[in-house]
Amino acid sequence: MPAIAEADDGFFYVIKFRGAGQGKKALIAELLGGEIARALKLKVPEIVFALLDGAFGRTEPDEEIQDLLKASVGLNLGLHYLQGSITYDPAVSIIDPRLASSIVWLDCLLNNVDRTSRNTNMLWWHKELWLIDHGASLYFHHSWKDWQAQATKPFVLIKDHVLLPQATGLDAVNTEFRTILTRELIENIVSLIPDEWLEDETAFQSISEHRQAYVWFLETRIAHSEIFVKEAQYARQSII
């Protein structure tokens, strides 16, 4: 249950709350997914950390929303509100194959289940396509069960991706993106995760170990990207 709120810098942001159903895990996925997309030159709204004061929402009449806000006091995540944007409609707009391939590749990397025709999570803003809502990515981290094995598995749900039919350039973007997403870059992006979002995870003995698990997963998945590229190409051939 995100909300549009005005921050103390005078700008409006879509706030993703740590007290929502998927908790801090969704915020981590949103942060990592968005910043990896940005590194690949894809359009993503500015991502900020939003500190929620305990007084925020105190006059909210809805008890469920008030409980959510109380559980979210502290550090949350915000995305710049793209005022006037409209939802991408695949029946109206055809995306350039290069851009479509880039987005499909990104979502294979992240195991993003939430870019389908039912919910594209893309917006048109100033005649450009912007990516939003990566909170459903990296779903393995909700339990960390067999997470090392997940790094080299194909992403079979790519068959439902709204842009898959137009993604004809996966081999080319795979070659390019593997050179961009270096270990140093991945480490820098993962280092953005606040320590308090990594606390209380029983699968790891320390925050540092927890943080390095994300680095290892992403680095390993990039190194074996031909696995998810081939799966996407197979799925595309099956639907066209």
C-alpha atoms as a PDB file:
ATOM      1  CA  MET A   1       0.000   0.000   0.000  1.00  0.00           C
ATOM      2  CA  PRO A   2       2.229   2.839  -1.226  1.00  0.00           C
ATOM      3  CA  ALA A   3       1.226   6.483  -0.846  1.00  0.00           C
ATOM      4  CA  ILE A   4       1.971   9.778  -2.564  1.00  0.00           C
ATOM      5  CA  ALA A   5       3.426  12.193  -0.028  1.00  0.00           C
ATOM      6  CA  GLU A   6       5.131  15.569  -0.067  1.00  0.00           C
ATOM      7  CA  ALA A   7       8.576  15.457   1.513  1.00  0.00           C
ATOM      8  CA  ASP A   8      10.408  18.257   3.304  1.00  0.00           C
ATOM      9  CA  ASP A   9      12.294  19.042   0.088  1.00  0.00           C
ATOM     10  CA  GLY A  10       9.032  20.197  -1.484  1.00  0.00           C
ATOM     11  CA  PHE A  11       8.771  17.307  -3.964  1.00  0.00           C
ATOM     12  CA  PHE A  12       6.193  14.547  -4.128  1.00  0.00           C
ATOM     13  CA  TYR A  13       7.239  10.898  -3.849  1.00  0.00           C
ATOM     14  CA  VAL A  14       5.553   7.525  -4.031  1.00  0.00           C
ATOM     15  CA  ILE A  15       6.476   6.119  -0.622  1.00  0.00           C
ATOM     16  CA  LYS A  16       6.979   2.381  -0.179  1.00  0.00           C
ATOM     17  CA  PHE A  17       6.499   1.499   3.485  1.00  0.00           C
ATOM     18  CA  ARG A  18       8.581  -0.930   5.518  1.00  0.00           C
ATOM     19  CA  GLY A  19       5.452  -1.826   7.491  1.00  0.00           C
ATOM     20  CA  ALA A  20       3.623  -3.145   4.423  1.00  0.00           C
ATOM     21  CA  GLY A  21       3.040  -6.837   3.722  1.00  0.00           C
ATOM     22  CA  GLN A  22       6.430  -7.714   2.213  1.00  0.00           C
ATOM     23  CA  GLY A  23       8.258  -5.428   4.632  1.00  0.00           C
ATOM     24  CA  LYS A  24      11.872  -4.401   4.239  1.00  0.00           C
ATOM     25  CA  LYS A  25      12.523  -7.123   1.649  1.00  0.00           C
ATOM     26  CA  ALA A  26      10.362  -5.286  -0.875  1.00  0.00           C
ATOM     27  CA  LEU A  27      12.281  -2.075  -0.205  1.00  0.00           C
ATOM     28  CA  ILE A  28      15.594  -3.854  -0.786  1.00  0.00           C
ATOM     29  CA  ALA A  29      14.317  -5.304  -4.067  1.00  0.00           C
ATOM     30  CA  GLU A  30      13.012  -1.883  -5.112  1.00  0.00           C
ATOM     31  CA  LEU A  31      16.346  -0.239  -4.378  1.00  0.00           C
ATOM     32  CA  LEU A  32      18.538  -2.867  -6.038  1.00  0.00           C
ATOM     33  CA  GLY A  33      16.271  -3.301  -9.058  1.00  0.00           C
ATOM     34  CA  GLY A  34      15.913   0.407  -9.636  1.00  0.00           C
ATOM     35  CA  GLU A  35      19.602   1.220  -9.345  1.00  0.00           C
ATOM     36  CA  ILE A  36      20.668  -1.702 -11.550  1.00  0.00           C
ATOM     37  CA  ALA A  37      18.153  -0.503 -14.149  1.00  0.00           C
ATOM     38  CA  ARG A  38      19.604   2.999 -13.903  1.00  0.00           C
ATOM     39  CA  ALA A  39      23.130   1.643 -14.382  1.00  0.00           C
ATOM     40  CA  LEU A  40      21.904   0.036 -17.606  1.00  0.00           C
ATOM     41  CA  LYS A  41      20.650   3.474 -18.794  1.00  0.00           C
ATOM     42  CA  LEU A  42      16.990   2.573 -18.372  1.00  0.00           C
ATOM     43  CA  LYS A  43      14.610   5.260 -17.129  1.00  0.00           C
ATOM     44  CA  VAL A  44      13.747   4.929 -13.435  1.00  0.00           C
ATOM     45  CA  PRO A  45      12.322   7.641 -11.143  1.00  0.00           C
ATOM     46  CA  GLU A  46      14.754   9.081  -8.637  1.00  0.00           C
ATOM     47  CA  ILE A  47      14.956   6.830  -5.579  1.00  0.00           C
ATOM     48  CA  VAL A  48      15.304   8.415  -2.148  1.00  0.00           C
ATOM     49  CA  PHE A  49      15.316   7.317   1.461  1.00  0.00           C
ATOM     50  CA  ALA A  50      12.294   8.672   3.314  1.00  0.00           C
ATOM     51  CA  LEU A  51      12.424   9.055   7.083  1.00  0.00           C
ATOM     52  CA  LEU A  52       8.901   8.710   8.468  1.00  0.00           C
ATOM     53  CA  ASP A  53       8.248  10.638  11.652  1.00  0.00           C
ATOM     54  CA  GLY A  54       6.134   9.054  14.362  1.00  0.00           C
ATOM     55  CA  ALA A  55       3.601  11.885  14.056  1.00  0.00           C
ATOM     56  CA  PHE A  56       2.965  11.197  10.375  1.00  0.00           C
ATOM     57  CA  GLY A  57      -0.564   9.915   9.801  1.00  0.00           C
ATOM     58  CA  ARG A  58      -1.592  10.315  13.410  1.00  0.00           C
ATOM     59  CA  THR A  59      -4.891  11.832  12.262  1.00  0.00           C
ATOM     60  CA  GLU A  60      -5.514   9.107   9.653  1.00  0.00           C
ATOM     61  CA  PRO A  61      -9.084   7.842  10.250  1.00  0.00           C
ATOM     62  CA  ASP A  62      -8.568   4.405   8.707  1.00  0.00           C
ATOM     63  CA  GLU A  63      -7.248   2.069  11.417  1.00  0.00           C
ATOM     64  CA  GLU A  64      -5.581  -0.294   8.957  1.00  0.00           C
ATOM     65  CA  ILE A  65      -3.641   2.521   7.312  1.00  0.00           C
ATOM     66  CA  GLN A  66      -2.748   4.009  10.693  1.00  0.00           C
ATOM     67  CA  ASP A  67      -1.338   0.628  11.790  1.00  0.00           C
ATOM     68  CA  LEU A  68       0.711   0.501   8.582  1.00  0.00           C
ATOM     69  CA  LEU A  69       2.143   3.963   9.232  1.00  0.00           C
ATOM     70  CA  LYS A  70       2.964   3.160  12.864  1.00  0.00           C
ATOM     71  CA  ALA A  71       4.845   0.051  11.715  1.00  0.00           C
ATOM     72  CA  SER A  72       6.736   2.144   9.176  1.00  0.00           C
ATOM     73  CA  VAL A  73       8.238   4.773  11.470  1.00  0.00           C
ATOM     74  CA  GLY A  74      11.882   5.090  10.495  1.00  0.00           C
ATOM     75  CA  LEU A  75      13.601   4.652   7.147  1.00  0.00           C
ATOM     76  CA  ASN A  76      11.417   3.911   4.124  1.00  0.00           C
ATOM     77  CA  LEU A  77      11.861   4.253   0.365  1.00  0.00           C
ATOM     78  CA  GLY A  78      10.486   6.872  -1.999  1.00  0.00           C
ATOM     79  CA  LEU A  79      10.347   7.217  -5.776  1.00  0.00           C
ATOM     80  CA  HIS A  80       9.901  10.588  -7.422  1.00  0.00           C
ATOM     81  CA  TYR A  81       6.262  11.004  -8.417  1.00  0.00           C
ATOM     82  CA  LEU A  82       5.965  11.298 -12.207  1.00  0.00           C
ATOM     83  CA  GLN A  83       3.040  13.690 -12.297  1.00  0.00           C
ATOM     84  CA  GLY A  84       0.988  13.400 -15.472  1.00  0.00           C
ATOM     85  CA  SER A  85       2.405  10.015 -16.458  1.00  0.00           C
ATOM     86  CA  ILE A  86       0.163   7.320 -17.917  1.00  0.00           C
ATOM     87  CA  THR A  87       0.364   3.544 -17.678  1.00  0.00           C
ATOM     88  CA  TYR A  88       2.058   1.816 -20.601  1.00  0.00           C
ATOM     89  CA  ASP A  89      -0.522  -0.008 -22.709  1.00  0.00           C
ATOM     90  CA  PRO A  90       0.920  -2.708 -25.009  1.00  0.00           C
ATOM     91  CA  ALA A  91      -2.176  -2.467 -27.212  1.00  0.00           C
ATOM     92  CA  VAL A  92      -1.410   1.183 -27.948  1.00  0.00           C
ATOM     93  CA  SER A  93       2.380   1.532 -28.020  1.00  0.00           C
ATOM     94  CA  ILE A  94       5.036  -0.658 -29.626  1.00  0.00           C
ATOM     95  CA  ILE A  95       8.432  -0.533 -27.927  1.00  0.00           C
ATOM     96  CA  ASP A  96      11.719  -0.464 -29.807  1.00  0.00           C
ATOM     97  CA  PRO A  97      13.232  -4.004 -29.879  1.00  0.00           C
ATOM     98  CA  ARG A  98      16.445  -2.821 -28.279  1.00  0.00           C
ATOM     99  CA  LEU A  99      14.603  -1.240 -25.332  1.00  0.00           C
ATOM    100  CA  ALA A 100      12.270  -4.225 -25.007  1.00  0.00           C
ATOM    101  CA  SER A 101      15.248  -6.593 -24.954  1.00  0.00           C
ATOM    102  CA  SER A 102      16.984  -4.497 -22.293  1.00  0.00           C
ATOM    103  CA  ILE A 103      13.950  -4.573 -20.001  1.00  0.00           C
ATOM    104  CA  VAL A 104      13.374  -8.307 -20.518  1.00  0.00           C
ATOM    105  CA  TRP A 105      17.055  -8.983 -19.725  1.00  0.00           C
ATOM    106  CA  LEU A 106      16.839  -6.880 -16.559  1.00  0.00           C
ATOM    107  CA  ASP A 107      13.719  -8.678 -15.355  1.00  0.00           C
ATOM    108  CA  CYS A 108      15.304 -12.082 -16.024  1.00  0.00           C
ATOM    109  CA  LEU A 109      18.286 -11.041 -13.925  1.00  0.00           C
ATOM    110  CA  LEU A 110      16.079  -9.844 -11.085  1.00  0.00           C
ATOM    111  CA  ASN A 111      13.461 -12.627 -11.313  1.00  0.00           C
ATOM    112  CA  ASN A 112      10.868  -9.877 -11.605  1.00  0.00           C
ATOM    113  CA  VAL A 113       7.441 -11.523 -11.770  1.00  0.00           C
ATOM    114  CA  ASP A 114       5.559  -8.257 -12.064  1.00  0.00           C
ATOM    115  CA  ARG A 115       5.852  -6.894 -15.613  1.00  0.00           C
ATOM    116  CA  THR A 116       2.958  -8.632 -17.337  1.00  0.00           C
ATOM    117  CA  SER A 117       0.050  -7.463 -19.471  1.00  0.00           C
ATOM    118  CA  ARG A 118      -2.088  -7.486 -16.313  1.00  0.00           C
ATOM    119  CA  ASN A 119       0.281  -5.079 -14.583  1.00  0.00           C
ATOM    120  CA  THR A 120       3.003  -3.626 -16.793  1.00  0.00           C
ATOM    121  CA  ASN A 121       4.673  -1.465 -14.117  1.00  0.00           C
ATOM    122  CA  MET A 122       5.839   0.925 -16.814  1.00  0.00           C
ATOM    123  CA  LEU A 123       4.792   4.528 -17.371  1.00  0.00           C
ATOM    124  CA  TRP A 124       4.855   6.963 -20.274  1.00  0.00           C
ATOM    125  CA  TRP A 125       6.216  10.296 -19.089  1.00  0.00           C
ATOM    126  CA  HIS A 126       7.490  13.070 -21.340  1.00  0.00           C
ATOM    127  CA  LYS A 127       7.350  10.683 -24.307  1.00  0.00           C
ATOM    128  CA  GLU A 128       9.710   8.193 -22.623  1.00  0.00           C
ATOM    129  CA  LEU A 129       9.174   4.804 -21.021  1.00  0.00           C
ATOM    130  CA  TRP A 130       9.888   4.676 -17.295  1.00  0.00           C
ATOM    131  CA  LEU A 131      10.199   1.557 -15.139  1.00  0.00           C
ATOM    132  CA  ILE A 132       8.552   1.425 -11.729  1.00  0.00           C
ATOM    133  CA  ASP A 133       7.894  -1.039  -8.921  1.00  0.00           C
ATOM    134  CA  HIS A 134      10.644  -3.655  -8.646  1.00  0.00           C
ATOM    135  CA  GLY A 135       9.500  -4.725  -5.181  1.00  0.00           C
ATOM    136  CA  ALA A 136       8.426  -8.191  -6.351  1.00  0.00           C
ATOM    137  CA  SER A 137      11.924  -8.950  -7.666  1.00  0.00           C
ATOM    138  CA  LEU A 138      14.472 -11.227  -5.981  1.00  0.00           C
ATOM    139  CA  TYR A 139      11.632 -13.182  -4.421  1.00  0.00           C
ATOM    140  CA  PHE A 140      14.028 -15.887  -3.175  1.00  0.00           C
ATOM    141  CA  HIS A 141      15.184 -13.540  -0.398  1.00  0.00           C
ATOM    142  CA  HIS A 142      11.900 -13.820   1.471  1.00  0.00           C
ATOM    143  CA  SER A 143      13.066 -17.178   2.787  1.00  0.00           C
ATOM    144  CA  TRP A 144      16.661 -17.544   1.479  1.00  0.00           C
ATOM    145  CA  LYS A 145      15.904 -21.229   0.932  1.00  0.00           C
ATOM    146  CA  ASP A 146      18.340 -22.759  -1.594  1.00  0.00           C
ATOM    147  CA  TRP A 147      19.250 -19.221  -2.622  1.00  0.00           C
ATOM    148  CA  GLN A 148      22.619 -20.177  -4.115  1.00  0.00           C
ATOM    149  CA  ALA A 149      20.900 -22.570  -6.522  1.00  0.00           C
ATOM    150  CA  GLN A 150      18.493 -19.821  -7.590  1.00  0.00           C
ATOM    151  CA  ALA A 151      21.364 -17.807  -9.019  1.00  0.00           C
ATOM    152  CA  THR A 152      21.878 -20.163 -11.978  1.00  0.00           C
ATOM    153  CA  LYS A 153      18.282 -21.141 -12.671  1.00  0.00           C
ATOM    154  CA  PRO A 154      16.360 -19.917 -15.730  1.00  0.00           C
ATOM    155  CA  PHE A 155      13.505 -17.528 -15.105  1.00  0.00           C
ATOM    156  CA  VAL A 156      10.590 -19.535 -16.482  1.00  0.00           C
ATOM    157  CA  LEU A 157       7.986 -16.873 -15.682  1.00  0.00           C
ATOM    158  CA  ILE A 158       9.539 -14.671 -18.358  1.00  0.00           C
ATOM    159  CA  LYS A 159       6.975 -16.270 -20.683  1.00  0.00           C
ATOM    160  CA  ASP A 160       4.408 -13.845 -19.228  1.00  0.00           C
ATOM    161  CA  HIS A 161       6.500 -10.699 -19.773  1.00  0.00           C
ATOM    162  CA  VAL A 162       4.582  -8.006 -21.616  1.00  0.00           C
ATOM    163  CA  LEU A 163       7.571  -7.032 -23.799  1.00  0.00           C
ATOM    164  CA  LEU A 164       8.853 -10.513 -24.619  1.00  0.00           C
ATOM    165  CA  PRO A 165       7.402 -10.608 -28.181  1.00  0.00           C
ATOM    166  CA  GLN A 166       9.416  -7.491 -29.073  1.00  0.00           C
ATOM    167  CA  ALA A 167      12.661  -8.603 -27.398  1.00  0.00           C
ATOM    168  CA  THR A 168      14.585  -9.630 -30.504  1.00  0.00           C
ATOM    169  CA  GLY A 169      17.991  -8.365 -29.380  1.00  0.00           C
ATOM    170  CA  LEU A 170      18.684 -10.359 -26.227  1.00  0.00           C
ATOM    171  CA  ASP A 171      22.077 -11.660 -27.346  1.00  0.00           C
ATOM    172  CA  ALA A 172      23.332  -8.151 -28.064  1.00  0.00           C
ATOM    173  CA  VAL A 173      22.169  -6.629 -24.782  1.00  0.00           C
ATOM    174  CA  ASN A 174      23.492  -9.649 -22.889  1.00  0.00           C
ATOM    175  CA  THR A 175      26.993  -9.019 -24.232  1.00  0.00           C
ATOM    176  CA  GLU A 176      26.800  -5.319 -23.423  1.00  0.00           C
ATOM    177  CA  PHE A 177      25.217  -5.559 -19.998  1.00  0.00           C
ATOM    178  CA  ARG A 178      27.672  -8.164 -18.746  1.00  0.00           C
ATOM    179  CA  THR A 179      30.471  -5.642 -19.299  1.00  0.00           C
ATOM    180  CA  ILE A 180      28.572  -2.849 -17.540  1.00  0.00           C
ATOM    181  CA  LEU A 181      27.560  -4.771 -14.428  1.00  0.00           C
ATOM    182  CA  THR A 182      30.992  -5.305 -12.925  1.00  0.00           C
ATOM    183  CA  ARG A 183      31.567  -6.640  -9.429  1.00  0.00           C
ATOM    184  CA  GLU A 184      32.596  -3.144  -8.309  1.00  0.00           C
ATOM    185  CA  LEU A 185      29.331  -1.668  -9.594  1.00  0.00           C
ATOM    186  CA  ILE A 186      27.236  -4.387  -7.971  1.00  0.00           C
ATOM    187  CA  GLU A 187      29.048  -3.909  -4.664  1.00  0.00           C
ATOM    188  CA  ASN A 188      28.449  -0.152  -4.839  1.00  0.00           C
ATOM    189  CA  ILE A 189      24.722  -0.643  -5.463  1.00  0.00           C
ATOM    190  CA  VAL A 190      24.339  -3.259  -2.707  1.00  0.00           C
ATOM    191  CA  SER A 191      26.222  -0.970  -0.308  1.00  0.00           C
ATOM    192  CA  LEU A 192      23.283   1.449  -0.568  1.00  0.00           C
ATOM    193  CA  ILE A 193      21.071  -0.920   1.456  1.00  0.00           C
ATOM    194  CA  PRO A 194      20.726   0.568   4.955  1.00  0.00           C
ATOM    195  CA  ASP A 195      22.008  -1.662   7.750  1.00  0.00           C
ATOM    196  CA  GLU A 196      18.638  -1.502   9.513  1.00  0.00           C
ATOM    197  CA  TRP A 197      16.968  -3.200   6.547  1.00  0.00           C
ATOM    198  CA  LEU A 198      19.402  -6.110   6.880  1.00  0.00           C
ATOM    199  CA  GLU A 199      18.962  -6.717  10.587  1.00  0.00           C
ATOM    200  CA  ASP A 200      17.126  -9.657  12.140  1.00  0.00           C
ATOM    201  CA  GLU A 201      17.783 -12.082   9.270  1.00  0.00           C
ATOM    202  CA  THR A 202      18.319 -15.517  10.787  1.00  0.00           C
ATOM    203  CA  ALA A 203      19.820 -16.977   7.599  1.00  0.00           C
ATOM    204  CA  PHE A 204      23.048 -15.019   8.169  1.00  0.00           C
ATOM    205  CA  GLN A 205      25.315 -14.417  11.115  1.00  0.00           C
ATOM    206  CA  SER A 206      25.927 -10.736  10.409  1.00  0.00           C
ATOM    207  CA  ILE A 207      24.742  -7.763   8.392  1.00  0.00           C
ATOM    208  CA  SER A 208      27.937  -7.955   6.350  1.00  0.00           C
ATOM    209  CA  GLU A 209      27.300 -11.596   5.466  1.00  0.00           C
ATOM    210  CA  HIS A 210      23.707 -10.764   4.551  1.00  0.00           C
ATOM    211  CA  ARG A 211      24.864  -7.907   2.304  1.00  0.00           C
ATOM    212  CA  GLN A 212      27.482 -10.049   0.589  1.00  0.00           C
ATOM    213  CA  ALA A 213      24.830 -12.658  -0.213  1.00  0.00           C
ATOM    214  CA  TYR A 214      23.157 -10.133  -2.529  1.00  0.00           C
ATOM    215  CA  VAL A 215      26.487  -9.367  -4.179  1.00  0.00           C
ATOM    216  CA  TRP A 216      27.224 -13.059  -4.676  1.00  0.00           C
ATOM    217  CA  PHE A 217      23.770 -13.800  -6.064  1.00  0.00           C
ATOM    218  CA  LEU A 218      23.807 -10.948  -8.579  1.00  0.00           C
ATOM    219  CA  GLU A 219      27.405 -11.507  -9.639  1.00  0.00           C
ATOM    220  CA  THR A 220      26.805 -15.236 -10.121  1.00  0.00           C
ATOM    221  CA  ARG A 221      23.579 -14.664 -12.034  1.00  0.00           C
ATOM    222  CA  ILE A 222      25.284 -12.175 -14.362  1.00  0.00           C
ATOM    223  CA  ALA A 223      28.149 -14.609 -14.959  1.00  0.00           C
ATOM    224  CA  HIS A 224      25.607 -17.259 -16.012  1.00  0.00           C
ATOM    225  CA  SER A 225      23.270 -14.925 -17.864  1.00  0.00           C
ATOM    226  CA  GLU A 226      23.229 -17.145 -20.955  1.00  0.00           C
ATOM    227  CA  ILE A 227      20.952 -19.488 -18.982  1.00  0.00           C
ATOM    228  CA  PHE A 228      18.161 -16.974 -18.529  1.00  0.00           C
ATOM    229  CA  VAL A 229      18.722 -15.484 -21.988  1.00  0.00           C
ATOM    230  CA  LYS A 230      18.189 -18.871 -23.628  1.00  0.00           C
ATOM    231  CA  GLU A 231      15.047 -19.424 -21.549  1.00  0.00           C
ATOM    232  CA  ALA A 232      13.678 -16.048 -22.655  1.00  0.00           C
ATOM    233  CA  GLN A 233      14.480 -16.783 -26.295  1.00  0.00           C
ATOM    234  CA  TYR A 234      12.804 -20.182 -26.060  1.00  0.00           C
ATOM    235  CA  ALA A 235       9.725 -18.636 -24.431  1.00  0.00           C
ATOM    236  CA  ARG A 236       9.574 -15.961 -27.125  1.00  0.00           C
ATOM    237  CA  GLN A 237       9.704 -18.530 -29.919  1.00  0.00           C
ATOM    238  CA  SER A 238       6.860 -20.400 -28.247  1.00  0.00           C
ATOM    239  CA  ILE A 239       4.507 -17.424 -28.322  1.00  0.00           C
ATOM    240  CA  ILE A 240       5.162 -15.884 -31.738  1.00  0.00           C
END
